């Protein structure tokens, strides 16, 4: 029983870190004046993901759906930003997608 509680706390912290780090990255880029579609998608996606974690206590199914939409927008916005730059690193985007999938599976199991 204690292991499930610990797993829930770790999953919540990982999900919150994932969403807030992308929110800070998008806000930082937008403050620099780089108002691209990728940065806007990152902002919208990370806002949705953060809101879904707040909503997760009350409406878990709706929150999981919002989390999926937010993670999709985060991954696509980062991919879009990577394509616009000169040095595109596909491994970086595969790792981000993998982390998002692992967190999503953990959120669905809790």
Protein backbone atom coordinates (compact mmCIF):
# COMPACT_ATOMS: atom_id res chain seq x y z
CA UNK A 1 0.00 0.00 0.00
CA UNK A 2 2.81 2.41 0.86
CA UNK A 3 4.47 1.64 -2.45
CA UNK A 4 1.38 2.78 -4.37
CA UNK A 5 1.25 6.04 -2.45
CA UNK A 6 4.95 6.62 -3.09
CA UNK A 7 4.49 5.82 -6.79
CA UNK A 8 1.60 8.29 -6.96
CA UNK A 9 3.65 11.05 -5.36
CA UNK A 10 6.64 10.42 -7.64
CA UNK A 11 4.38 10.35 -10.72
CA UNK A 12 2.73 13.62 -9.74
CA UNK A 13 6.09 15.29 -9.19
CA UNK A 14 7.46 14.04 -12.52
CA UNK A 15 4.36 15.18 -14.37
CA UNK A 16 4.45 18.57 -12.70
CA UNK A 17 8.14 18.99 -13.48
CA UNK A 18 7.57 18.02 -17.13
CA UNK A 19 4.75 20.51 -17.56
CA UNK A 20 6.33 23.39 -15.65
CA UNK A 21 9.75 23.05 -17.31
CA UNK A 22 8.13 23.31 -20.73
CA UNK A 23 6.01 26.24 -19.52
CA UNK A 24 9.12 28.08 -18.34
CA UNK A 25 10.95 27.31 -21.59
CA UNK A 26 8.11 28.63 -23.72
CA UNK A 27 7.67 31.77 -21.61
CA UNK A 28 11.40 32.42 -21.78
CA UNK A 29 11.43 32.16 -25.57
CA UNK A 30 8.33 34.33 -25.91
CA UNK A 31 9.89 37.01 -23.69
CA UNK A 32 12.94 37.04 -25.96
CA UNK A 33 10.65 37.94 -28.84
CA UNK A 34 10.71 34.53 -30.55
CA UNK A 35 6.98 34.36 -31.15
CA UNK A 36 6.91 31.28 -33.37
CA UNK A 37 4.18 28.70 -33.77
CA UNK A 38 6.28 26.13 -31.93
CA UNK A 39 6.67 28.36 -28.89
CA UNK A 40 2.96 29.13 -28.86
CA UNK A 41 2.14 25.42 -29.04
CA UNK A 42 4.56 24.78 -26.17
CA UNK A 43 2.84 27.47 -24.10
CA UNK A 44 -0.66 26.15 -24.78
CA UNK A 45 0.36 22.52 -24.26
CA UNK A 46 2.22 23.11 -21.03
CA UNK A 47 -0.65 25.24 -19.71
CA UNK A 48 -3.11 22.44 -20.51
CA UNK A 49 -0.86 19.84 -18.90
CA UNK A 50 -0.43 21.92 -15.75
CA UNK A 51 -4.17 22.58 -15.51
CA UNK A 52 -4.89 18.89 -15.99
CA UNK A 53 -2.71 18.00 -13.01
CA UNK A 54 -4.72 20.40 -10.84
CA UNK A 55 -7.96 18.91 -12.18
CA UNK A 56 -6.72 15.32 -11.72
CA UNK A 57 -7.96 15.11 -8.12
CA UNK A 58 -11.56 15.90 -9.06
CA UNK A 59 -12.12 14.59 -12.62
CA UNK A 60 -9.37 12.09 -13.46
CA UNK A 61 -10.67 10.97 -16.86
CA UNK A 62 -11.10 14.50 -18.17
CA UNK A 63 -7.73 15.43 -16.67
CA UNK A 64 -6.06 12.51 -18.41
CA UNK A 65 -7.57 13.60 -21.72
CA UNK A 66 -6.32 17.17 -21.17
CA UNK A 67 -2.90 15.78 -20.23
CA UNK A 68 -2.76 13.84 -23.50
CA UNK A 69 -3.71 16.94 -25.48
CA UNK A 70 -1.14 19.03 -23.60
CA UNK A 71 1.65 16.49 -24.09
CA UNK A 72 0.81 16.21 -27.77
CA UNK A 73 1.01 19.97 -28.18
CA UNK A 74 4.27 20.10 -26.20
CA UNK A 75 5.89 17.40 -28.32
CA UNK A 76 4.66 18.88 -31.60
CA UNK A 77 5.68 22.42 -30.61
CA UNK A 78 9.16 21.23 -29.69
CA UNK A 79 9.38 19.27 -32.95
CA UNK A 80 8.28 22.38 -34.87
CA UNK A 81 10.94 24.49 -33.12
CA UNK A 82 13.57 21.87 -33.88
CA UNK A 83 12.66 21.82 -37.57
CA UNK A 84 12.98 25.61 -37.78
CA UNK A 85 16.52 25.58 -36.37
CA UNK A 86 19.61 24.59 -38.32
CA UNK A 87 20.61 21.67 -36.08
CA UNK A 88 17.73 19.21 -35.83
CA UNK A 89 18.33 16.41 -33.32
CA UNK A 90 15.67 13.68 -33.65
CA UNK A 91 16.91 11.76 -30.60
CA UNK A 92 15.99 14.72 -28.38
CA UNK A 93 12.38 14.58 -29.59
CA UNK A 94 12.16 10.79 -29.26
CA UNK A 95 13.36 11.03 -25.64
CA UNK A 96 10.80 13.78 -24.90
CA UNK A 97 8.03 11.67 -26.42
CA UNK A 98 9.18 8.63 -24.43
CA UNK A 99 9.16 10.57 -21.17
CA UNK A 100 5.68 11.91 -21.95
CA UNK A 101 4.43 8.38 -22.68
CA UNK A 102 5.89 6.94 -19.47
CA UNK A 103 4.33 9.72 -17.38
CA UNK A 104 1.01 9.26 -19.18
CA UNK A 105 0.99 5.52 -18.50
CA UNK A 106 1.82 6.13 -14.84
CA UNK A 107 -0.96 8.71 -14.55
CA UNK A 108 -3.42 6.29 -16.12
CA UNK A 109 -2.47 3.54 -13.67
CA UNK A 110 -2.85 5.67 -10.56
